[in-house]
Amino acid sequence: MIFITAKFRVKPEHADNWPSITADFTSATRSEPGCLWFDWSRSLDDPNEYVLVEAFADDEAATHHVTSAHFKGAQEHLPPHLVETPRIVNFKVPQDDWSELGELAVK
């Protein structure tokens, strides 16, 4: 799978509304074939930063995502709400779902 984590620094005046600003893009992406997850979290250290954790089944699914109409729309719609270009970590990993964190096993 292709596993991506991206950090979005949102302008303070838009930070509380970021979930609604991204709602259509998020919903459309989650509906894509090959999207395994697309989940936003707000930083505990910086209330103006959101972290996106996303995964796609393979290269085909990731290509479909970045060439979709809703992605192109997000390229236009989201940047005016941001302080800077989002930062990203992107890896291919040999699994297709979350693994258990054995060191913190719940018994």
PDB file of N, CA and C in Angstrom:
ATOM      1  N   MET A   1       0.840  -1.175   0.000  1.00  0.00           N
ATOM      2  CA  MET A   1       0.000   0.000   0.000  1.00  0.00           C
ATOM      3  C   MET A   1       0.883   1.236   0.000  1.00  0.00           C
ATOM      4  N   ILE A   2       0.312   2.334  -0.395  1.00  0.00           N
ATOM      5  CA  ILE A   2       0.980   3.621  -0.324  1.00  0.00           C
ATOM      6  C   ILE A   2       0.427   4.341   0.900  1.00  0.00           C
ATOM      7  N   PHE A   3       1.311   4.625   1.832  1.00  0.00           N
ATOM      8  CA  PHE A   3       0.949   5.229   3.115  1.00  0.00           C
ATOM      9  C   PHE A   3       1.478   6.653   3.134  1.00  0.00           C
ATOM     10  N   ILE A   4       0.606   7.611   3.398  1.00  0.00           N
ATOM     11  CA  ILE A   4       0.957   9.026   3.333  1.00  0.00           C
ATOM     12  C   ILE A   4       0.516   9.716   4.620  1.00  0.00           C
ATOM     13  N   THR A   5       1.403  10.544   5.144  1.00  0.00           N
ATOM     14  CA  THR A   5       1.053  11.431   6.243  1.00  0.00           C
ATOM     15  C   THR A   5       1.430  12.836   5.810  1.00  0.00           C
ATOM     16  N   ALA A   6       0.495  13.772   5.950  1.00  0.00           N
ATOM     17  CA  ALA A   6       0.756  15.150   5.546  1.00  0.00           C
ATOM     18  C   ALA A   6       0.322  16.094   6.663  1.00  0.00           C
ATOM     19  N   LYS A   7       1.104  17.160   6.851  1.00  0.00           N
ATOM     20  CA  LYS A   7       0.788  18.174   7.848  1.00  0.00           C
ATOM     21  C   LYS A   7       0.355  19.443   7.131  1.00  0.00           C
ATOM     22  N   PHE A   8      -0.781  19.972   7.545  1.00  0.00           N
ATOM     23  CA  PHE A   8      -1.362  21.177   6.962  1.00  0.00           C
ATOM     24  C   PHE A   8      -1.385  22.271   8.022  1.00  0.00           C
ATOM     25  N   ARG A   9      -0.647  23.352   7.807  1.00  0.00           N
ATOM     26  CA  ARG A   9      -0.692  24.517   8.707  1.00  0.00           C
ATOM     27  C   ARG A   9      -1.749  25.456   8.158  1.00  0.00           C
ATOM     28  N   VAL A  10      -2.838  25.556   8.876  1.00  0.00           N
ATOM     29  CA  VAL A  10      -4.012  26.310   8.451  1.00  0.00           C
ATOM     30  C   VAL A  10      -3.959  27.718   9.055  1.00  0.00           C
ATOM     31  N   LYS A  11      -4.384  28.703   8.273  1.00  0.00           N
ATOM     32  CA  LYS A  11      -4.455  30.064   8.798  1.00  0.00           C
ATOM     33  C   LYS A  11      -5.360  30.065  10.029  1.00  0.00           C
ATOM     34  N   PRO A  12      -4.974  30.768  11.083  1.00  0.00           N
ATOM     35  CA  PRO A  12      -5.749  30.734  12.335  1.00  0.00           C
ATOM     36  C   PRO A  12      -7.239  31.022  12.146  1.00  0.00           C
ATOM     37  N   GLU A  13      -7.571  31.934  11.261  1.00  0.00           N
ATOM     38  CA  GLU A  13      -8.990  32.274  11.061  1.00  0.00           C
ATOM     39  C   GLU A  13      -9.783  31.161  10.371  1.00  0.00           C
ATOM     40  N   HIS A  14      -9.097  30.136   9.852  1.00  0.00           N
ATOM     41  CA  HIS A  14      -9.783  29.025   9.184  1.00  0.00           C
ATOM     42  C   HIS A  14      -9.661  27.699   9.949  1.00  0.00           C
ATOM     43  N   ALA A  15      -8.839  27.693  10.994  1.00  0.00           N
ATOM     44  CA  ALA A  15      -8.520  26.430  11.672  1.00  0.00           C
ATOM     45  C   ALA A  15      -9.745  25.720  12.239  1.00  0.00           C
ATOM     46  N   ASP A  16     -10.634  26.431  12.889  1.00  0.00           N
ATOM     47  CA  ASP A  16     -11.813  25.776  13.471  1.00  0.00           C
ATOM     48  C   ASP A  16     -12.756  25.242  12.401  1.00  0.00           C
ATOM     49  N   ASN A  17     -12.715  25.820  11.212  1.00  0.00           N
ATOM     50  CA  ASN A  17     -13.606  25.396  10.126  1.00  0.00           C
ATOM     51  C   ASN A  17     -12.964  24.404   9.159  1.00  0.00           C
ATOM     52  N   TRP A  18     -11.706  24.025   9.400  1.00  0.00           N
ATOM     53  CA  TRP A  18     -11.007  23.142   8.460  1.00  0.00           C
ATOM     54  C   TRP A  18     -11.783  21.848   8.168  1.00  0.00           C
ATOM     55  N   PRO A  19     -12.387  21.202   9.150  1.00  0.00           N
ATOM     56  CA  PRO A  19     -13.163  19.991   8.811  1.00  0.00           C
ATOM     57  C   PRO A  19     -14.276  20.264   7.801  1.00  0.00           C
ATOM     58  N   SER A  20     -14.962  21.380   7.907  1.00  0.00           N
ATOM     59  CA  SER A  20     -16.021  21.669   6.925  1.00  0.00           C
ATOM     60  C   SER A  20     -15.421  22.150   5.605  1.00  0.00           C
ATOM     61  N   ILE A  21     -14.291  22.847   5.649  1.00  0.00           N
ATOM     62  CA  ILE A  21     -13.626  23.288   4.423  1.00  0.00           C
ATOM     63  C   ILE A  21     -13.194  22.093   3.585  1.00  0.00           C
ATOM     64  N   THR A  22     -12.766  21.022   4.235  1.00  0.00           N
ATOM     65  CA  THR A  22     -12.268  19.838   3.538  1.00  0.00           C
ATOM     66  C   THR A  22     -13.304  18.725   3.396  1.00  0.00           C
ATOM     67  N   ALA A  23     -14.507  18.944   3.874  1.00  0.00           N
ATOM     68  CA  ALA A  23     -15.515  17.875   3.940  1.00  0.00           C
ATOM     69  C   ALA A  23     -15.815  17.236   2.587  1.00  0.00           C
ATOM     70  N   ASP A  24     -16.062  18.031   1.557  1.00  0.00           N
ATOM     71  CA  ASP A  24     -16.388  17.453   0.247  1.00  0.00           C
ATOM     72  C   ASP A  24     -15.214  16.669  -0.316  1.00  0.00           C
ATOM     73  N   PHE A  25     -14.015  17.231  -0.203  1.00  0.00           N
ATOM     74  CA  PHE A  25     -12.810  16.552  -0.681  1.00  0.00           C
ATOM     75  C   PHE A  25     -12.594  15.245   0.077  1.00  0.00           C
ATOM     76  N   THR A  26     -12.770  15.289   1.386  1.00  0.00           N
ATOM     77  CA  THR A  26     -12.596  14.095   2.208  1.00  0.00           C
ATOM     78  C   THR A  26     -13.599  13.015   1.824  1.00  0.00           C
ATOM     79  N   SER A  27     -14.849  13.374   1.703  1.00  0.00           N
ATOM     80  CA  SER A  27     -15.897  12.411   1.351  1.00  0.00           C
ATOM     81  C   SER A  27     -15.640  11.795  -0.020  1.00  0.00           C
ATOM     82  N   ALA A  28     -15.299  12.624  -0.991  1.00  0.00           N
ATOM     83  CA  ALA A  28     -15.045  12.118  -2.349  1.00  0.00           C
ATOM     84  C   ALA A  28     -13.837  11.185  -2.361  1.00  0.00           C
ATOM     85  N   THR A  29     -12.796  11.540  -1.626  1.00  0.00           N
ATOM     86  CA  THR A  29     -11.603  10.694  -1.586  1.00  0.00           C
ATOM     87  C   THR A  29     -11.901   9.365  -0.916  1.00  0.00           C
ATOM     88  N   ARG A  30     -12.639   9.379   0.173  1.00  0.00           N
ATOM     89  CA  ARG A  30     -12.969   8.128   0.866  1.00  0.00           C
ATOM     90  C   ARG A  30     -13.805   7.197  -0.009  1.00  0.00           C
ATOM     91  N   SER A  31     -14.502   7.760  -0.987  1.00  0.00           N
ATOM     92  CA  SER A  31     -15.333   6.952  -1.893  1.00  0.00           C
ATOM     93  C   SER A  31     -14.551   6.375  -3.071  1.00  0.00           C
ATOM     94  N   GLU A  32     -13.316   6.779  -3.240  1.00  0.00           N
ATOM     95  CA  GLU A  32     -12.519   6.294  -4.364  1.00  0.00           C
ATOM     96  C   GLU A  32     -12.224   4.801  -4.217  1.00  0.00           C
ATOM     97  N   PRO A  33     -12.247   4.077  -5.333  1.00  0.00           N
ATOM     98  CA  PRO A  33     -11.781   2.688  -5.268  1.00  0.00           C
ATOM     99  C   PRO A  33     -10.293   2.690  -4.922  1.00  0.00           C
ATOM    100  N   GLY A  34      -9.897   1.860  -4.004  1.00  0.00           N
ATOM    101  CA  GLY A  34      -8.493   1.778  -3.632  1.00  0.00           C
ATOM    102  C   GLY A  34      -8.071   2.700  -2.507  1.00  0.00           C
ATOM    103  N   CYS A  35      -8.972   3.578  -2.050  1.00  0.00           N
ATOM    104  CA  CYS A  35      -8.655   4.398  -0.871  1.00  0.00           C
ATOM    105  C   CYS A  35      -8.907   3.523   0.359  1.00  0.00           C
ATOM    106  N   LEU A  36      -7.861   3.277   1.125  1.00  0.00           N
ATOM    107  CA  LEU A  36      -7.996   2.442   2.321  1.00  0.00           C
ATOM    108  C   LEU A  36      -8.433   3.258   3.524  1.00  0.00           C
ATOM    109  N   TRP A  37      -7.904   4.468   3.648  1.00  0.00           N
ATOM    110  CA  TRP A  37      -8.372   5.416   4.662  1.00  0.00           C
ATOM    111  C   TRP A  37      -7.884   6.809   4.318  1.00  0.00           C
ATOM    112  N   PHE A  38      -8.566   7.785   4.880  1.00  0.00           N
ATOM    113  CA  PHE A  38      -8.270   9.200   4.649  1.00  0.00           C
ATOM    114  C   PHE A  38      -8.790   9.927   5.886  1.00  0.00           C
ATOM    115  N   ASP A  39      -7.921  10.091   6.896  1.00  0.00           N
ATOM    116  CA  ASP A  39      -8.342  10.533   8.221  1.00  0.00           C
ATOM    117  C   ASP A  39      -7.580  11.775   8.678  1.00  0.00           C
ATOM    118  N   TRP A  40      -8.336  12.776   9.092  1.00  0.00           N
ATOM    119  CA  TRP A  40      -7.783  14.019   9.612  1.00  0.00           C
ATOM    120  C   TRP A  40      -7.730  13.986  11.138  1.00  0.00           C
ATOM    121  N   SER A  41      -6.683  14.588  11.703  1.00  0.00           N
ATOM    122  CA  SER A  41      -6.577  14.813  13.147  1.00  0.00           C
ATOM    123  C   SER A  41      -6.020  16.212  13.360  1.00  0.00           C
ATOM    124  N   ARG A  42      -6.414  16.800  14.456  1.00  0.00           N
ATOM    125  CA  ARG A  42      -5.900  18.129  14.798  1.00  0.00           C
ATOM    126  C   ARG A  42      -4.766  17.960  15.794  1.00  0.00           C
ATOM    127  N   SER A  43      -3.687  18.681  15.592  1.00  0.00           N
ATOM    128  CA  SER A  43      -2.529  18.606  16.473  1.00  0.00           C
ATOM    129  C   SER A  43      -2.889  19.036  17.895  1.00  0.00           C
ATOM    130  N   LEU A  44      -2.351  18.339  18.861  1.00  0.00           N
ATOM    131  CA  LEU A  44      -2.519  18.728  20.265  1.00  0.00           C
ATOM    132  C   LEU A  44      -1.581  19.872  20.634  1.00  0.00           C
ATOM    133  N   ASP A  45      -0.500  20.032  19.882  1.00  0.00           N
ATOM    134  CA  ASP A  45       0.496  21.064  20.174  1.00  0.00           C
ATOM    135  C   ASP A  45       0.236  22.376  19.447  1.00  0.00           C
ATOM    136  N   ASP A  46      -0.394  22.298  18.286  1.00  0.00           N
ATOM    137  CA  ASP A  46      -0.641  23.491  17.474  1.00  0.00           C
ATOM    138  C   ASP A  46      -2.068  23.429  16.939  1.00  0.00           C
ATOM    139  N   PRO A  47      -2.990  24.207  17.479  1.00  0.00           N
ATOM    140  CA  PRO A  47      -4.387  24.130  17.052  1.00  0.00           C
ATOM    141  C   PRO A  47      -4.623  24.574  15.607  1.00  0.00           C
ATOM    142  N   ASN A  48      -3.585  25.116  14.963  1.00  0.00           N
ATOM    143  CA  ASN A  48      -3.703  25.518  13.566  1.00  0.00           C
ATOM    144  C   ASN A  48      -3.119  24.484  12.609  1.00  0.00           C
ATOM    145  N   GLU A  49      -2.724  23.346  13.158  1.00  0.00           N
ATOM    146  CA  GLU A  49      -2.142  22.289  12.324  1.00  0.00           C
ATOM    147  C   GLU A  49      -3.041  21.050  12.329  1.00  0.00           C
ATOM    148  N   TYR A  50      -3.290  20.541  11.130  1.00  0.00           N
ATOM    149  CA  TYR A  50      -4.025  19.290  10.960  1.00  0.00           C
ATOM    150  C   TYR A  50      -3.097  18.273  10.313  1.00  0.00           C
ATOM    151  N   VAL A  51      -3.256  17.022  10.719  1.00  0.00           N
ATOM    152  CA  VAL A  51      -2.470  15.935  10.171  1.00  0.00           C
ATOM    153  C   VAL A  51      -3.423  15.006   9.422  1.00  0.00           C
ATOM    154  N   LEU A  52      -3.072  14.714   8.189  1.00  0.00           N
ATOM    155  CA  LEU A  52      -3.853  13.812   7.352  1.00  0.00           C
ATOM    156  C   LEU A  52      -3.094  12.512   7.224  1.00  0.00           C
ATOM    157  N   VAL A  53      -3.743  11.403   7.581  1.00  0.00           N
ATOM    158  CA  VAL A  53      -3.178  10.071   7.410  1.00  0.00           C
ATOM    159  C   VAL A  53      -4.037   9.379   6.362  1.00  0.00           C
ATOM    160  N   GLU A  54      -3.388   9.000   5.259  1.00  0.00           N
ATOM    161  CA  GLU A  54      -4.134   8.405   4.155  1.00  0.00           C
ATOM    162  C   GLU A  54      -3.377   7.203   3.611  1.00  0.00           C
ATOM    163  N   ALA A  55      -4.114   6.293   2.993  1.00  0.00           N
ATOM    164  CA  ALA A  55      -3.485   5.125   2.385  1.00  0.00           C
ATOM    165  C   ALA A  55      -4.287   4.707   1.163  1.00  0.00           C
ATOM    166  N   PHE A  56      -3.540   4.250   0.164  1.00  0.00           N
ATOM    167  CA  PHE A  56      -4.126   3.761  -1.075  1.00  0.00           C
ATOM    168  C   PHE A  56      -3.582   2.379  -1.366  1.00  0.00           C
ATOM    169  N   ALA A  57      -4.399   1.536  -1.955  1.00  0.00           N
ATOM    170  CA  ALA A  57      -4.054   0.133  -2.152  1.00  0.00           C
ATOM    171  C   ALA A  57      -2.794  -0.056  -2.993  1.00  0.00           C
ATOM    172  N   ASP A  58      -2.610   0.787  -4.006  1.00  0.00           N
ATOM    173  CA  ASP A  58      -1.497   0.596  -4.933  1.00  0.00           C
ATOM    174  C   ASP A  58      -1.277   1.860  -5.760  1.00  0.00           C
ATOM    175  N   ASP A  59      -0.308   1.790  -6.675  1.00  0.00           N
ATOM    176  CA  ASP A  59       0.006   2.946  -7.519  1.00  0.00           C
ATOM    177  C   ASP A  59      -1.194   3.393  -8.347  1.00  0.00           C
ATOM    178  N   GLU A  60      -1.959   2.443  -8.839  1.00  0.00           N
ATOM    179  CA  GLU A  60      -3.132   2.782  -9.651  1.00  0.00           C
ATOM    180  C   GLU A  60      -4.136   3.612  -8.843  1.00  0.00           C
ATOM    181  N   ALA A  61      -4.387   3.208  -7.617  1.00  0.00           N
ATOM    182  CA  ALA A  61      -5.329   3.941  -6.761  1.00  0.00           C
ATOM    183  C   ALA A  61      -4.792   5.333  -6.431  1.00  0.00           C
ATOM    184  N   ALA A  62      -3.502   5.438  -6.171  1.00  0.00           N
ATOM    185  CA  ALA A  62      -2.911   6.737  -5.853  1.00  0.00           C
ATOM    186  C   ALA A  62      -2.948   7.661  -7.072  1.00  0.00           C
ATOM    187  N   THR A  63      -2.680   7.106  -8.248  1.00  0.00           N
ATOM    188  CA  THR A  63      -2.747   7.901  -9.482  1.00  0.00           C
ATOM    189  C   THR A  63      -4.170   8.359  -9.729  1.00  0.00           C
ATOM    190  N   HIS A  64      -5.131   7.474  -9.528  1.00  0.00           N
ATOM    191  CA  HIS A  64      -6.539   7.849  -9.689  1.00  0.00           C
ATOM    192  C   HIS A  64      -6.866   9.028  -8.771  1.00  0.00           C
ATOM    193  N   HIS A  65      -6.354   8.966  -7.537  1.00  0.00           N
ATOM    194  CA  HIS A  65      -6.626  10.032  -6.565  1.00  0.00           C
ATOM    195  C   HIS A  65      -6.097  11.380  -7.048  1.00  0.00           C
ATOM    196  N   VAL A  66      -4.833  11.438  -7.426  1.00  0.00           N
ATOM    197  CA  VAL A  66      -4.233  12.734  -7.770  1.00  0.00           C
ATOM    198  C   VAL A  66      -4.651  13.257  -9.144  1.00  0.00           C
ATOM    199  N   THR A  67      -5.349  12.429  -9.916  1.00  0.00           N
ATOM    200  CA  THR A  67      -5.854  12.893 -11.212  1.00  0.00           C
ATOM    201  C   THR A  67      -7.369  13.091 -11.200  1.00  0.00           C
ATOM    202  N   SER A  68      -7.995  12.909 -10.051  1.00  0.00           N
ATOM    203  CA  SER A  68      -9.452  13.035  -9.945  1.00  0.00           C
ATOM    204  C   SER A  68      -9.893  14.497  -9.992  1.00  0.00           C
ATOM    205  N   ALA A  69     -11.128  14.708 -10.354  1.00  0.00           N
ATOM    206  CA  ALA A  69     -11.689  16.060 -10.390  1.00  0.00           C
ATOM    207  C   ALA A  69     -11.704  16.684  -8.995  1.00  0.00           C
ATOM    208  N   HIS A  70     -12.023  15.891  -7.972  1.00  0.00           N
ATOM    209  CA  HIS A  70     -12.063  16.471  -6.625  1.00  0.00           C
ATOM    210  C   HIS A  70     -10.667  16.834  -6.122  1.00  0.00           C
ATOM    211  N   PHE A  71      -9.633  16.122  -6.553  1.00  0.00           N
ATOM    212  CA  PHE A  71      -8.271  16.499  -6.177  1.00  0.00           C
ATOM    213  C   PHE A  71      -7.893  17.813  -6.856  1.00  0.00           C
ATOM    214  N   LYS A  72      -8.215  17.918  -8.133  1.00  0.00           N
ATOM    215  CA  LYS A  72      -7.950  19.166  -8.857  1.00  0.00           C
ATOM    216  C   LYS A  72      -8.700  20.333  -8.208  1.00  0.00           C
ATOM    217  N   GLY A  73      -9.929  20.082  -7.763  1.00  0.00           N
ATOM    218  CA  GLY A  73     -10.691  21.108  -7.053  1.00  0.00           C
ATOM    219  C   GLY A  73     -10.027  21.498  -5.748  1.00  0.00           C
ATOM    220  N   ALA A  74      -9.508  20.512  -5.016  1.00  0.00           N
ATOM    221  CA  ALA A  74      -8.825  20.786  -3.753  1.00  0.00           C
ATOM    222  C   ALA A  74      -7.560  21.613  -3.983  1.00  0.00           C
ATOM    223  N   GLN A  75      -6.883  21.382  -5.098  1.00  0.00           N
ATOM    224  CA  GLN A  75      -5.692  22.164  -5.423  1.00  0.00           C
ATOM    225  C   GLN A  75      -6.019  23.652  -5.570  1.00  0.00           C
ATOM    226  N   GLU A  76      -7.230  23.943  -5.957  1.00  0.00           N
ATOM    227  CA  GLU A  76      -7.675  25.341  -6.099  1.00  0.00           C
ATOM    228  C   GLU A  76      -8.271  25.871  -4.782  1.00  0.00           C
ATOM    229  N   HIS A  77      -9.063  25.020  -4.127  1.00  0.00           N
ATOM    230  CA  HIS A  77      -9.859  25.445  -2.979  1.00  0.00           C
ATOM    231  C   HIS A  77      -9.078  25.529  -1.666  1.00  0.00           C
ATOM    232  N   LEU A  78      -8.146  24.609  -1.426  1.00  0.00           N
ATOM    233  CA  LEU A  78      -7.504  24.538  -0.114  1.00  0.00           C
ATOM    234  C   LEU A  78      -6.359  25.530   0.118  1.00  0.00           C
ATOM    235  N   PRO A  79      -5.456  25.785  -0.840  1.00  0.00           N
ATOM    236  CA  PRO A  79      -4.306  26.651  -0.556  1.00  0.00           C
ATOM    237  C   PRO A  79      -4.627  28.037   0.021  1.00  0.00           C
ATOM    238  N   PRO A  80      -5.706  28.708  -0.366  1.00  0.00           N
ATOM    239  CA  PRO A  80      -5.967  30.013   0.245  1.00  0.00           C
ATOM    240  C   PRO A  80      -6.210  29.960   1.758  1.00  0.00           C
ATOM    241  N   HIS A  81      -6.481  28.783   2.284  1.00  0.00           N
ATOM    242  CA  HIS A  81      -6.729  28.611   3.714  1.00  0.00           C
ATOM    243  C   HIS A  81      -5.458  28.237   4.482  1.00  0.00           C
ATOM    244  N   LEU A  82      -4.346  28.052   3.777  1.00  0.00           N
ATOM    245  CA  LEU A  82      -3.116  27.537   4.375  1.00  0.00           C
ATOM    246  C   LEU A  82      -2.061  28.620   4.556  1.00  0.00           C
ATOM    247  N   VAL A  83      -1.211  28.409   5.563  1.00  0.00           N
ATOM    248  CA  VAL A  83      -0.084  29.291   5.836  1.00  0.00           C
ATOM    249  C   VAL A  83       1.076  28.975   4.889  1.00  0.00           C
ATOM    250  N   GLU A  84       1.241  27.691   4.570  1.00  0.00           N
ATOM    251  CA  GLU A  84       2.370  27.225   3.765  1.00  0.00           C
ATOM    252  C   GLU A  84       1.973  25.949   3.033  1.00  0.00           C
ATOM    253  N   THR A  85       2.824  25.532   2.124  1.00  0.00           N
ATOM    254  CA  THR A  85       2.617  24.275   1.416  1.00  0.00           C
ATOM    255  C   THR A  85       2.666  23.121   2.417  1.00  0.00           C
ATOM    256  N   PRO A  86       1.703  22.199   2.373  1.00  0.00           N
ATOM    257  CA  PRO A  86       1.724  21.068   3.301  1.00  0.00           C
ATOM    258  C   PRO A  86       3.017  20.252   3.171  1.00  0.00           C
ATOM    259  N   ARG A  87       3.420  19.666   4.279  1.00  0.00           N
ATOM    260  CA  ARG A  87       4.593  18.788   4.326  1.00  0.00           C
ATOM    261  C   ARG A  87       4.114  17.343   4.333  1.00  0.00           C
ATOM    262  N   ILE A  88       4.867  16.448   3.686  1.00  0.00           N
ATOM    263  CA  ILE A  88       4.383  15.089   3.465  1.00  0.00           C
ATOM    264  C   ILE A  88       5.480  14.053   3.670  1.00  0.00           C
ATOM    265  N   VAL A  89       5.057  12.894   4.145  1.00  0.00           N
ATOM    266  CA  VAL A  89       5.879  11.690   4.161  1.00  0.00           C
ATOM    267  C   VAL A  89       5.078  10.653   3.392  1.00  0.00           C
ATOM    268  N   ASN A  90       5.716   9.986   2.437  1.00  0.00           N
ATOM    269  CA  ASN A  90       5.026   9.081   1.525  1.00  0.00           C
ATOM    270  C   ASN A  90       5.877   7.825   1.359  1.00  0.00           C
ATOM    271  N   PHE A  91       5.312   6.665   1.698  1.00  0.00           N
ATOM    272  CA  PHE A  91       6.041   5.401   1.608  1.00  0.00           C
ATOM    273  C   PHE A  91       5.166   4.310   1.020  1.00  0.00           C
ATOM    274  N   LYS A  92       5.800   3.379   0.332  1.00  0.00           N
ATOM    275  CA  LYS A  92       5.143   2.125  -0.027  1.00  0.00           C
ATOM    276  C   LYS A  92       5.500   1.129   1.068  1.00  0.00           C
ATOM    277  N   VAL A  93       4.486   0.477   1.609  1.00  0.00           N
ATOM    278  CA  VAL A  93       4.722  -0.510   2.659  1.00  0.00           C
ATOM    279  C   VAL A  93       4.065  -1.830   2.273  1.00  0.00           C
ATOM    280  N   PRO A  94       4.679  -2.934   2.650  1.00  0.00           N
ATOM    281  CA  PRO A  94       4.177  -4.249   2.248  1.00  0.00           C
ATOM    282  C   PRO A  94       3.073  -4.779   3.169  1.00  0.00           C
ATOM    283  N   GLN A  95       1.995  -4.040   3.275  1.00  0.00           N
ATOM    284  CA  GLN A  95       0.833  -4.489   4.039  1.00  0.00           C
ATOM    285  C   GLN A  95      -0.386  -3.785   3.480  1.00  0.00           C
ATOM    286  N   ASP A  96      -1.574  -4.184   3.933  1.00  0.00           N
ATOM    287  CA  ASP A  96      -2.789  -3.577   3.385  1.00  0.00           C
ATOM    288  C   ASP A  96      -3.758  -3.105   4.473  1.00  0.00           C
ATOM    289  N   ASP A  97      -3.272  -3.045   5.703  1.00  0.00           N
ATOM    290  CA  ASP A  97      -4.096  -2.570   6.808  1.00  0.00           C
ATOM    291  C   ASP A  97      -3.166  -2.229   7.968  1.00  0.00           C
ATOM    292  N   TRP A  98      -3.733  -1.673   9.034  1.00  0.00           N
ATOM    293  CA  TRP A  98      -2.973  -1.376  10.238  1.00  0.00           C
ATOM    294  C   TRP A  98      -2.530  -2.674  10.910  1.00  0.00           C
ATOM    295  N   SER A  99      -1.349  -2.670  11.491  1.00  0.00           N
ATOM    296  CA  SER A  99      -0.867  -3.788  12.302  1.00  0.00           C
ATOM    297  C   SER A  99      -1.083  -3.431  13.768  1.00  0.00           C
ATOM    298  N   GLU A 100      -1.122  -4.457  14.603  1.00  0.00           N
ATOM    299  CA  GLU A 100      -1.244  -4.195  16.036  1.00  0.00           C
ATOM    300  C   GLU A 100       0.088  -3.717  16.595  1.00  0.00           C
ATOM    301  N   LEU A 101       0.026  -2.810  17.556  1.00  0.00           N
ATOM    302  CA  LEU A 101       1.207  -2.335  18.262  1.00  0.00           C
ATOM    303  C   LEU A 101       1.424  -3.277  19.434  1.00  0.00           C
ATOM    304  N   GLY A 102       2.184  -4.344  19.195  1.00  0.00           N
ATOM    305  CA  GLY A 102       2.361  -5.426  20.154  1.00  0.00           C
ATOM    306  C   GLY A 102       2.892  -4.985  21.508  1.00  0.00           C
ATOM    307  N   GLU A 103       3.728  -3.942  21.502  1.00  0.00           N
ATOM    308  CA  GLU A 103       4.309  -3.457  22.759  1.00  0.00           C
ATOM    309  C   GLU A 103       3.270  -2.873  23.697  1.00  0.00           C
ATOM    310  N   LEU A 104       2.090  -2.520  23.173  1.00  0.00           N
ATOM    311  CA  LEU A 104       1.016  -1.994  24.020  1.00  0.00           C
ATOM    312  C   LEU A 104      -0.225  -2.874  23.922  1.00  0.00           C
ATOM    313  N   ALA A 105      -0.017  -4.166  23.872  1.00  0.00           N
ATOM    314  CA  ALA A 105      -1.109  -5.112  23.708  1.00  0.00           C
ATOM    315  C   ALA A 105      -2.145  -4.963  24.833  1.00  0.00           C
ATOM    316  N   VAL A 106      -3.379  -4.975  24.455  1.00  0.00           N
ATOM    317  CA  VAL A 106      -4.476  -4.923  25.415  1.00  0.00           C
ATOM    318  C   VAL A 106      -4.902  -6.367  25.689  1.00  0.00           C
ATOM    319  N   LYS A 107      -4.900  -6.723  26.951  1.00  0.00           N
ATOM    320  CA  LYS A 107      -5.222  -8.122  27.315  1.00  0.00           C
ATOM    321  C   LYS A 107      -6.548  -8.204  28.000  1.00  0.00           C
TER     322      LYS A 107
END
